[in-house]
Amino acid sequence: MSGRVRRPQDHFGDRAKREGYPARSVYKLQEIDRRSQLLKRGQRVLDLGAAPGSWTLYAAERVGREGKVVSVDLNEARVQLPPHVSFRALDVFKFDPKSEFGAGAFDVVLSDMAPHTSGQRHRDQYGSYELYMQALRIAREVLVPGGTFVGKIFQGPELETARAATREGFTSVRIVKPEASRSESFEIFLVGSGAIAS
């Protein structure tokens, strides 16, 4: 057989282009949403590490114009955002969540953040863990009681520590590995439901 060998899941990338999303990652959130009944009309959503903007666009569609999405990243989104979405250029390690947004400002906090990978597995896993833990800290400060947090983390030695920390802040925690994650990827998502007032 001649020609280029396509990755078996590239159809997600093709589909994203057809449907107007800048990245295939939208289908990860779509599956998490379907399995967890995550996003509802009128909700307020914080999307951390939002660029290039697929998760923000999907969340904006789900919450509708009655809702609100705040998109946070170091880099600008590559897509035009609807009126009920606002973008903030912020470093997640360098702002105070309560001062920036206020306690109880959001119903859902999303994080698809990942480190710039080095190819050194444990270094990348630890970088992912640090980002996950920061997203969790932000979520604990800005979620309403009963709110939901979704965060990406690379599977590694720190996973159980991250899961235990999540259990301290939420009444239930589950692991989801969406079909749209590449088969060779070691990313998973922790979904914390029922935020406990801190």
C-alpha atoms as a PDB file:
ATOM      1  CA  MET A   1       0.000   0.000   0.000  1.00  0.00           C
ATOM      2  CA  SER A   2       1.470   3.338  -1.000  1.00  0.00           C
ATOM      3  CA  GLY A   3       0.927   6.849   0.301  1.00  0.00           C
ATOM      4  CA  ARG A   4       0.971   8.484   3.661  1.00  0.00           C
ATOM      5  CA  VAL A   5      -0.305   6.509   6.649  1.00  0.00           C
ATOM      6  CA  ARG A   6      -3.003   8.490   8.457  1.00  0.00           C
ATOM      7  CA  ARG A   7      -3.428   8.324  12.198  1.00  0.00           C
ATOM      8  CA  PRO A   8      -6.604   6.343  12.842  1.00  0.00           C
ATOM      9  CA  GLN A   9      -8.278   9.203  14.717  1.00  0.00           C
ATOM     10  CA  ASP A  10      -7.527  11.964  12.197  1.00  0.00           C
ATOM     11  CA  HIS A  11     -11.204  11.977  11.245  1.00  0.00           C
ATOM     12  CA  PHE A  12     -11.764  14.094  14.370  1.00  0.00           C
ATOM     13  CA  GLY A  13      -9.481  16.767  12.934  1.00  0.00           C
ATOM     14  CA  ASP A  14     -11.257  16.638   9.569  1.00  0.00           C
ATOM     15  CA  ARG A  15     -14.621  16.857  11.297  1.00  0.00           C
ATOM     16  CA  ALA A  16     -13.504  19.861  13.394  1.00  0.00           C
ATOM     17  CA  LYS A  17     -12.563  21.751  10.214  1.00  0.00           C
ATOM     18  CA  ARG A  18     -15.910  20.949   8.610  1.00  0.00           C
ATOM     19  CA  GLU A  19     -17.834  22.051  11.699  1.00  0.00           C
ATOM     20  CA  GLY A  20     -15.888  25.288  12.188  1.00  0.00           C
ATOM     21  CA  TYR A  21     -13.823  24.429  15.272  1.00  0.00           C
ATOM     22  CA  PRO A  22     -10.114  25.291  15.353  1.00  0.00           C
ATOM     23  CA  ALA A  23      -9.072  21.990  16.966  1.00  0.00           C
ATOM     24  CA  ARG A  24     -10.184  18.382  17.348  1.00  0.00           C
ATOM     25  CA  SER A  25     -10.133  18.766  21.158  1.00  0.00           C
ATOM     26  CA  VAL A  26     -13.754  19.952  20.995  1.00  0.00           C
ATOM     27  CA  TYR A  27     -14.886  16.327  20.719  1.00  0.00           C
ATOM     28  CA  LYS A  28     -13.205  15.465  24.025  1.00  0.00           C
ATOM     29  CA  LEU A  29     -15.311  18.094  25.774  1.00  0.00           C
ATOM     30  CA  GLN A  30     -18.397  17.039  23.851  1.00  0.00           C
ATOM     31  CA  GLU A  31     -18.019  13.456  25.114  1.00  0.00           C
ATOM     32  CA  ILE A  32     -17.320  14.575  28.698  1.00  0.00           C
ATOM     33  CA  ASP A  33     -20.399  16.801  28.493  1.00  0.00           C
ATOM     34  CA  ARG A  34     -22.549  13.944  27.216  1.00  0.00           C
ATOM     35  CA  ARG A  35     -21.326  11.488  29.844  1.00  0.00           C
ATOM     36  CA  SER A  36     -21.448  13.906  32.786  1.00  0.00           C
ATOM     37  CA  GLN A  37     -24.383  16.212  31.884  1.00  0.00           C
ATOM     38  CA  LEU A  38     -21.865  18.990  32.328  1.00  0.00           C
ATOM     39  CA  LEU A  39     -23.090  22.083  30.475  1.00  0.00           C
ATOM     40  CA  LYS A  40     -26.566  23.599  30.627  1.00  0.00           C
ATOM     41  CA  ARG A  41     -28.282  26.691  29.276  1.00  0.00           C
ATOM     42  CA  GLY A  42     -27.690  29.821  31.335  1.00  0.00           C
ATOM     43  CA  GLN A  43     -24.554  28.593  33.131  1.00  0.00           C
ATOM     44  CA  ARG A  44     -21.423  30.637  33.779  1.00  0.00           C
ATOM     45  CA  VAL A  45     -18.274  28.852  32.583  1.00  0.00           C
ATOM     46  CA  LEU A  46     -14.559  29.549  33.054  1.00  0.00           C
ATOM     47  CA  ASP A  47     -12.329  27.964  30.387  1.00  0.00           C
ATOM     48  CA  LEU A  48      -8.656  27.841  31.436  1.00  0.00           C
ATOM     49  CA  GLY A  49      -5.986  27.345  28.777  1.00  0.00           C
ATOM     50  CA  ALA A  50      -8.611  28.090  26.177  1.00  0.00           C
ATOM     51  CA  ALA A  51      -6.603  28.767  22.993  1.00  0.00           C
ATOM     52  CA  PRO A  52      -7.158  28.029  20.163  1.00  0.00           C
ATOM     53  CA  GLY A  53     -10.801  28.269  21.260  1.00  0.00           C
ATOM     54  CA  SER A  54     -12.650  25.020  20.514  1.00  0.00           C
ATOM     55  CA  TRP A  55     -13.723  24.374  24.110  1.00  0.00           C
ATOM     56  CA  THR A  56     -14.833  27.993  24.502  1.00  0.00           C
ATOM     57  CA  LEU A  57     -16.957  27.848  21.340  1.00  0.00           C
ATOM     58  CA  TYR A  58     -18.584  24.573  22.376  1.00  0.00           C
ATOM     59  CA  ALA A  59     -19.297  25.832  25.904  1.00  0.00           C
ATOM     60  CA  ALA A  60     -20.753  29.048  24.483  1.00  0.00           C
ATOM     61  CA  GLU A  61     -23.111  27.034  22.275  1.00  0.00           C
ATOM     62  CA  ARG A  62     -24.250  24.884  25.187  1.00  0.00           C
ATOM     63  CA  VAL A  63     -24.893  27.689  27.689  1.00  0.00           C
ATOM     64  CA  GLY A  64     -26.545  29.930  25.082  1.00  0.00           C
ATOM     65  CA  ARG A  65     -26.830  33.686  25.151  1.00  0.00           C
ATOM     66  CA  GLU A  66     -28.390  33.517  28.614  1.00  0.00           C
ATOM     67  CA  GLY A  67     -25.084  32.107  29.867  1.00  0.00           C
ATOM     68  CA  LYS A  68     -21.560  33.483  30.052  1.00  0.00           C
ATOM     69  CA  VAL A  69     -18.142  32.063  29.169  1.00  0.00           C
ATOM     70  CA  VAL A  70     -14.849  33.577  30.279  1.00  0.00           C
ATOM     71  CA  SER A  71     -11.930  32.312  28.215  1.00  0.00           C
ATOM     72  CA  VAL A  72      -8.417  32.516  29.747  1.00  0.00           C
ATOM     73  CA  ASP A  73      -5.112  31.887  28.001  1.00  0.00           C
ATOM     74  CA  LEU A  74      -1.659  33.366  27.450  1.00  0.00           C
ATOM     75  CA  ASN A  75      -2.427  33.364  23.714  1.00  0.00           C
ATOM     76  CA  GLU A  76      -5.357  34.976  21.925  1.00  0.00           C
ATOM     77  CA  ALA A  77      -8.118  32.719  20.643  1.00  0.00           C
ATOM     78  CA  ARG A  78      -7.862  32.104  16.888  1.00  0.00           C
ATOM     79  CA  VAL A  79     -11.590  32.341  16.321  1.00  0.00           C
ATOM     80  CA  GLN A  80     -14.235  35.018  16.491  1.00  0.00           C
ATOM     81  CA  LEU A  81     -15.979  34.733  19.842  1.00  0.00           C
ATOM     82  CA  PRO A  82     -19.712  35.302  20.337  1.00  0.00           C
ATOM     83  CA  PRO A  83     -20.953  38.270  22.404  1.00  0.00           C
ATOM     84  CA  HIS A  84     -21.524  36.259  25.587  1.00  0.00           C
ATOM     85  CA  VAL A  85     -17.841  35.207  25.674  1.00  0.00           C
ATOM     86  CA  SER A  86     -15.080  37.380  27.100  1.00  0.00           C
ATOM     87  CA  PHE A  87     -11.350  36.698  26.731  1.00  0.00           C
ATOM     88  CA  ARG A  88      -8.698  37.430  29.365  1.00  0.00           C
ATOM     89  CA  ALA A  89      -4.956  37.202  28.656  1.00  0.00           C
ATOM     90  CA  LEU A  90      -3.771  35.786  31.979  1.00  0.00           C
ATOM     91  CA  ASP A  91      -1.088  33.475  33.326  1.00  0.00           C
ATOM     92  CA  VAL A  92      -2.896  31.001  35.583  1.00  0.00           C
ATOM     93  CA  PHE A  93       0.007  31.111  38.052  1.00  0.00           C
ATOM     94  CA  LYS A  94      -0.008  34.901  38.310  1.00  0.00           C
ATOM     95  CA  PHE A  95      -3.480  36.122  39.224  1.00  0.00           C
ATOM     96  CA  ASP A  96      -5.750  35.962  42.247  1.00  0.00           C
ATOM     97  CA  PRO A  97      -8.978  34.195  41.211  1.00  0.00           C
ATOM     98  CA  LYS A  98     -11.241  35.823  43.787  1.00  0.00           C
ATOM     99  CA  SER A  99      -9.952  39.312  42.985  1.00  0.00           C
ATOM    100  CA  GLU A 100     -10.213  38.704  39.243  1.00  0.00           C
ATOM    101  CA  PHE A 101     -13.623  37.014  39.161  1.00  0.00           C
ATOM    102  CA  GLY A 102     -15.144  36.829  42.646  1.00  0.00           C
ATOM    103  CA  ALA A 103     -16.115  33.826  44.776  1.00  0.00           C
ATOM    104  CA  GLY A 104     -18.989  31.809  43.331  1.00  0.00           C
ATOM    105  CA  ALA A 105     -18.610  33.447  39.923  1.00  0.00           C
ATOM    106  CA  PHE A 106     -18.893  30.217  37.906  1.00  0.00           C
ATOM    107  CA  ASP A 107     -20.987  27.052  37.688  1.00  0.00           C
ATOM    108  CA  VAL A 108     -18.361  25.132  35.693  1.00  0.00           C
ATOM    109  CA  VAL A 109     -14.568  25.428  35.410  1.00  0.00           C
ATOM    110  CA  LEU A 110     -12.824  23.709  32.491  1.00  0.00           C
ATOM    111  CA  SER A 111      -9.107  23.136  31.999  1.00  0.00           C
ATOM    112  CA  ASP A 112      -7.565  21.566  28.910  1.00  0.00           C
ATOM    113  CA  MET A 113      -4.152  22.995  29.844  1.00  0.00           C
ATOM    114  CA  ALA A 114      -1.035  21.018  28.990  1.00  0.00           C
ATOM    115  CA  PRO A 115       2.678  21.784  29.293  1.00  0.00           C
ATOM    116  CA  HIS A 116       4.947  22.283  26.301  1.00  0.00           C
ATOM    117  CA  THR A 117       6.120  18.697  26.013  1.00  0.00           C
ATOM    118  CA  SER A 118       9.834  17.954  26.193  1.00  0.00           C
ATOM    119  CA  GLY A 119       9.774  14.273  25.264  1.00  0.00           C
ATOM    120  CA  GLN A 120      10.963  13.409  28.785  1.00  0.00           C
ATOM    121  CA  ARG A 121       7.961  11.517  30.068  1.00  0.00           C
ATOM    122  CA  HIS A 122       8.209  12.182  33.791  1.00  0.00           C
ATOM    123  CA  ARG A 123       9.051  15.850  33.280  1.00  0.00           C
ATOM    124  CA  ASP A 124       5.972  16.244  31.070  1.00  0.00           C
ATOM    125  CA  GLN A 125       3.801  14.348  33.545  1.00  0.00           C
ATOM    126  CA  TYR A 126       4.939  16.596  36.379  1.00  0.00           C
ATOM    127  CA  GLY A 127       4.338  19.733  34.293  1.00  0.00           C
ATOM    128  CA  SER A 128       0.814  18.507  33.597  1.00  0.00           C
ATOM    129  CA  TYR A 129       0.292  17.795  37.306  1.00  0.00           C
ATOM    130  CA  GLU A 130       1.347  21.354  38.224  1.00  0.00           C
ATOM    131  CA  LEU A 131      -1.085  22.845  35.710  1.00  0.00           C
ATOM    132  CA  TYR A 132      -3.863  20.548  36.890  1.00  0.00           C
ATOM    133  CA  MET A 133      -3.321  21.471  40.542  1.00  0.00           C
ATOM    134  CA  GLN A 134      -3.356  25.184  39.716  1.00  0.00           C
ATOM    135  CA  ALA A 135      -6.589  24.787  37.747  1.00  0.00           C
ATOM    136  CA  LEU A 136      -8.060  22.885  40.697  1.00  0.00           C
ATOM    137  CA  ARG A 137      -7.057  25.675  43.095  1.00  0.00           C
ATOM    138  CA  ILE A 138      -8.701  28.263  40.856  1.00  0.00           C
ATOM    139  CA  ALA A 139     -11.839  26.136  40.564  1.00  0.00           C
ATOM    140  CA  ARG A 140     -12.114  25.772  44.338  1.00  0.00           C
ATOM    141  CA  GLU A 141     -12.030  29.565  44.707  1.00  0.00           C
ATOM    142  CA  VAL A 142     -14.492  30.579  41.990  1.00  0.00           C
ATOM    143  CA  LEU A 143     -17.053  27.759  41.745  1.00  0.00           C
ATOM    144  CA  VAL A 144     -20.486  27.952  43.312  1.00  0.00           C
ATOM    145  CA  PRO A 145     -21.243  25.220  45.868  1.00  0.00           C
ATOM    146  CA  GLY A 146     -22.336  22.209  43.827  1.00  0.00           C
ATOM    147  CA  GLY A 147     -20.362  23.353  40.768  1.00  0.00           C
ATOM    148  CA  THR A 148     -18.309  21.149  38.443  1.00  0.00           C
ATOM    149  CA  PHE A 149     -14.626  21.034  37.484  1.00  0.00           C
ATOM    150  CA  VAL A 150     -13.061  19.257  34.498  1.00  0.00           C
ATOM    151  CA  GLY A 151      -9.271  19.127  34.302  1.00  0.00           C
ATOM    152  CA  LYS A 152      -6.775  17.412  32.029  1.00  0.00           C
ATOM    153  CA  ILE A 153      -3.795  15.588  33.518  1.00  0.00           C
ATOM    154  CA  PHE A 154      -1.191  13.227  32.083  1.00  0.00           C
ATOM    155  CA  GLN A 155      -1.209   9.808  33.706  1.00  0.00           C
ATOM    156  CA  GLY A 156       1.854   9.398  35.900  1.00  0.00           C
ATOM    157  CA  PRO A 157       3.078   9.027  39.494  1.00  0.00           C
ATOM    158  CA  GLU A 158       1.261  12.197  40.616  1.00  0.00           C
ATOM    159  CA  LEU A 159      -2.179  11.136  39.368  1.00  0.00           C
ATOM    160  CA  GLU A 160      -3.341   9.661  42.668  1.00  0.00           C
ATOM    161  CA  THR A 161      -2.216  12.788  44.540  1.00  0.00           C
ATOM    162  CA  ALA A 162      -4.224  14.913  42.103  1.00  0.00           C
ATOM    163  CA  ARG A 163      -7.266  12.671  42.429  1.00  0.00           C
ATOM    164  CA  ALA A 164      -7.084  12.756  46.231  1.00  0.00           C
ATOM    165  CA  ALA A 165      -6.834  16.558  46.176  1.00  0.00           C
ATOM    166  CA  THR A 166      -9.873  16.710  43.910  1.00  0.00           C
ATOM    167  CA  ARG A 167     -11.854  14.446  46.242  1.00  0.00           C
ATOM    168  CA  GLU A 168     -11.237  16.948  49.061  1.00  0.00           C
ATOM    169  CA  GLY A 169     -13.167  19.603  47.137  1.00  0.00           C
ATOM    170  CA  PHE A 170     -15.930  17.642  45.389  1.00  0.00           C
ATOM    171  CA  THR A 171     -18.534  15.101  46.444  1.00  0.00           C
ATOM    172  CA  SER A 172     -17.690  12.820  43.511  1.00  0.00           C
ATOM    173  CA  VAL A 173     -14.708  12.434  41.173  1.00  0.00           C
ATOM    174  CA  ARG A 174     -14.498  10.311  38.048  1.00  0.00           C
ATOM    175  CA  ILE A 175     -11.889   9.686  35.358  1.00  0.00           C
ATOM    176  CA  VAL A 176     -12.805  10.053  31.685  1.00  0.00           C
ATOM    177  CA  LYS A 177     -10.600   9.199  28.696  1.00  0.00           C
ATOM    178  CA  PRO A 178     -12.535  10.451  25.681  1.00  0.00           C
ATOM    179  CA  GLU A 179     -12.563   8.567  22.404  1.00  0.00           C
ATOM    180  CA  ALA A 180     -11.140  11.672  20.675  1.00  0.00           C
ATOM    181  CA  SER A 181      -7.940  11.453  22.732  1.00  0.00           C
ATOM    182  CA  ARG A 182      -5.255   9.946  20.536  1.00  0.00           C
ATOM    183  CA  SER A 183      -4.620   6.293  21.328  1.00  0.00           C
ATOM    184  CA  GLU A 184      -0.948   6.992  22.101  1.00  0.00           C
ATOM    185  CA  SER A 185      -1.787   9.892  24.433  1.00  0.00           C
ATOM    186  CA  PHE A 186      -1.538   9.427  28.193  1.00  0.00           C
ATOM    187  CA  GLU A 187      -3.933  12.302  28.924  1.00  0.00           C
ATOM    188  CA  ILE A 188      -7.067  11.746  30.953  1.00  0.00           C
ATOM    189  CA  PHE A 189      -9.646  14.067  32.465  1.00  0.00           C
ATOM    190  CA  LEU A 190     -10.776  14.230  36.068  1.00  0.00           C
ATOM    191  CA  VAL A 191     -14.366  15.382  36.524  1.00  0.00           C
ATOM    192  CA  GLY A 192     -15.193  16.728  39.974  1.00  0.00           C
ATOM    193  CA  SER A 193     -18.919  17.158  40.635  1.00  0.00           C
ATOM    194  CA  GLY A 194     -20.636  18.797  43.576  1.00  0.00           C
ATOM    195  CA  ALA A 195     -18.094  21.431  44.665  1.00  0.00           C
ATOM    196  CA  ILE A 196     -17.887  21.663  48.445  1.00  0.00           C
ATOM    197  CA  ALA A 197     -17.948  25.217  49.810  1.00  0.00           C
ATOM    198  CA  SER A 198     -14.437  26.148  50.944  1.00  0.00           C
END
